[in-house]
Amino acid sequence: MLYLISTARLKPGTRDLCLAPARAVIEASRKEPGCVAYDLHFSITDPDKMVFVEVWQDRAALDEHFTTAHFKAWRAAIADHVVSRKLDLITPERIESL
C-alpha cells in the first residue's frame, strides 16, 4: 500500500475553474484497479492550495494511473491555473518527493 499526497498552488481566483475537472478525475480514478482511495481537500486558510490524498495498492497501479486519459485530461484542464505542484509518495519504507 502506498500513499500519494499531491499539493498544488493555484493562481488566485482560479479554484472554481478547477472543480469540475477535479470531480471528473476523482470519479474516474476511483474506478481504476488498484485505487483504494482518492480525494481532494482545500486548505481552509489558503483557498489557492489544493491537496489530493490518494491510496494505491502498489506502484504499478499508480504508474498506470499516470497514463490514463482522465488523468491526462485533468492535467491539461488545470495547466493554466497551477503555479506550483509537489508530489510526496509515502511507502512503508520511506517518504519520497516526486
Protein backbone atom coordinates (compact mmCIF):
# COMPACT_ATOMS: atom_id res chain seq x y z
CA MET A 1 0.00 0.00 0.00
CA LEU A 2 1.24 3.46 -0.79
CA TYR A 3 0.00 6.99 -0.34
CA LEU A 4 0.39 9.90 -2.71
CA ILE A 5 -0.07 13.44 -1.41
CA SER A 6 -0.31 15.83 -4.33
CA THR A 7 -0.29 19.51 -3.43
CA ALA A 8 -0.91 22.25 -5.97
CA ARG A 9 -0.84 26.00 -5.58
CA LEU A 10 -3.38 27.64 -7.88
CA LYS A 11 -3.36 31.11 -9.35
CA PRO A 12 -5.58 33.34 -7.18
CA GLY A 13 -9.21 33.17 -8.16
CA THR A 14 -8.98 30.01 -10.27
CA ARG A 15 -10.18 27.45 -7.72
CA ASP A 16 -13.72 27.28 -9.07
CA LEU A 17 -12.39 26.65 -12.59
CA CYS A 18 -10.64 23.52 -11.30
CA LEU A 19 -13.62 21.94 -9.52
CA ALA A 20 -15.42 20.30 -12.47
CA PRO A 21 -12.22 18.76 -13.88
CA ALA A 22 -11.31 17.62 -10.34
CA ARG A 23 -14.65 15.88 -9.91
CA ALA A 24 -14.16 14.09 -13.22
CA VAL A 25 -10.67 12.82 -12.40
CA ILE A 26 -11.74 11.74 -8.91
CA GLU A 27 -14.74 9.77 -10.21
CA ALA A 28 -12.73 8.02 -12.93
CA SER A 29 -9.69 7.37 -10.72
CA ARG A 30 -11.76 5.71 -8.01
CA LYS A 31 -12.80 3.10 -10.60
CA GLU A 32 -9.23 2.19 -11.53
CA PRO A 33 -7.80 -1.18 -10.50
CA GLY A 34 -5.54 -0.65 -7.51
CA CYS A 35 -7.15 2.59 -6.34
CA VAL A 36 -8.04 2.28 -2.66
CA ALA A 37 -8.94 5.95 -2.03
CA TYR A 38 -8.79 9.20 -3.98
CA ASP A 39 -9.97 12.52 -2.58
CA LEU A 40 -9.39 16.25 -2.80
CA HIS A 41 -9.09 18.77 0.02
CA PHE A 42 -8.70 22.54 0.02
CA SER A 43 -6.92 24.45 2.75
CA ILE A 44 -9.30 26.43 4.97
CA THR A 45 -6.62 29.08 5.45
CA ASP A 46 -5.43 29.24 1.82
CA PRO A 47 -8.14 28.87 -0.86
CA ASP A 48 -5.48 28.55 -3.55
CA LYS A 49 -3.97 25.38 -2.05
CA MET A 50 -5.47 22.06 -3.13
CA VAL A 51 -4.36 18.69 -1.80
CA PHE A 52 -5.16 15.31 -3.30
CA VAL A 53 -4.82 12.36 -0.93
CA GLU A 54 -4.58 9.08 -2.80
CA VAL A 55 -4.10 5.49 -1.65
CA TRP A 56 -2.91 2.86 -4.14
CA GLN A 57 -2.36 -0.87 -3.73
CA ASP A 58 1.07 -0.68 -5.34
CA ARG A 59 3.39 1.39 -7.51
CA ALA A 60 2.29 -0.38 -10.68
CA ALA A 61 -1.30 0.82 -10.13
CA LEU A 62 -0.11 4.38 -9.51
CA ASP A 63 2.14 4.34 -12.57
CA GLU A 64 -0.77 3.11 -14.68
CA HIS A 65 -2.94 5.92 -13.26
CA PHE A 66 -0.47 8.48 -14.61
CA THR A 67 -1.03 7.13 -18.16
CA THR A 68 -4.85 7.21 -18.16
CA ALA A 69 -6.83 9.51 -20.41
CA HIS A 70 -8.74 11.01 -17.49
CA PHE A 71 -5.53 11.87 -15.64
CA LYS A 72 -4.03 13.48 -18.74
CA ALA A 73 -7.28 15.41 -19.32
CA TRP A 74 -7.18 16.63 -15.71
CA ARG A 75 -3.60 17.86 -16.04
CA ALA A 76 -4.42 19.65 -19.30
CA ALA A 77 -7.59 21.24 -17.90
CA ILE A 78 -5.81 22.86 -14.95
CA ALA A 79 -2.40 23.53 -16.53
CA ASP A 80 -3.03 27.27 -16.92
CA HIS A 81 -4.21 27.58 -13.31
CA VAL A 82 -1.35 25.87 -11.46
CA VAL A 83 1.53 27.93 -10.10
CA SER A 84 3.39 25.03 -8.49
CA ARG A 85 2.92 21.38 -7.62
CA LYS A 86 4.52 18.93 -5.21
CA LEU A 87 4.10 15.15 -5.05
CA ASP A 88 5.02 13.13 -1.97
CA LEU A 89 4.96 9.35 -2.22
CA ILE A 90 4.68 7.58 1.12
CA THR A 91 5.52 3.88 1.27
CA PRO A 92 6.25 1.63 4.24
CA GLU A 93 9.96 2.08 3.51
CA ARG A 94 10.23 5.85 3.01
CA ILE A 95 8.73 9.19 2.02
CA GLU A 96 9.79 10.26 -1.47
CA SER A 97 9.18 13.64 -3.11
CA LEU A 98 8.45 13.13 -6.81
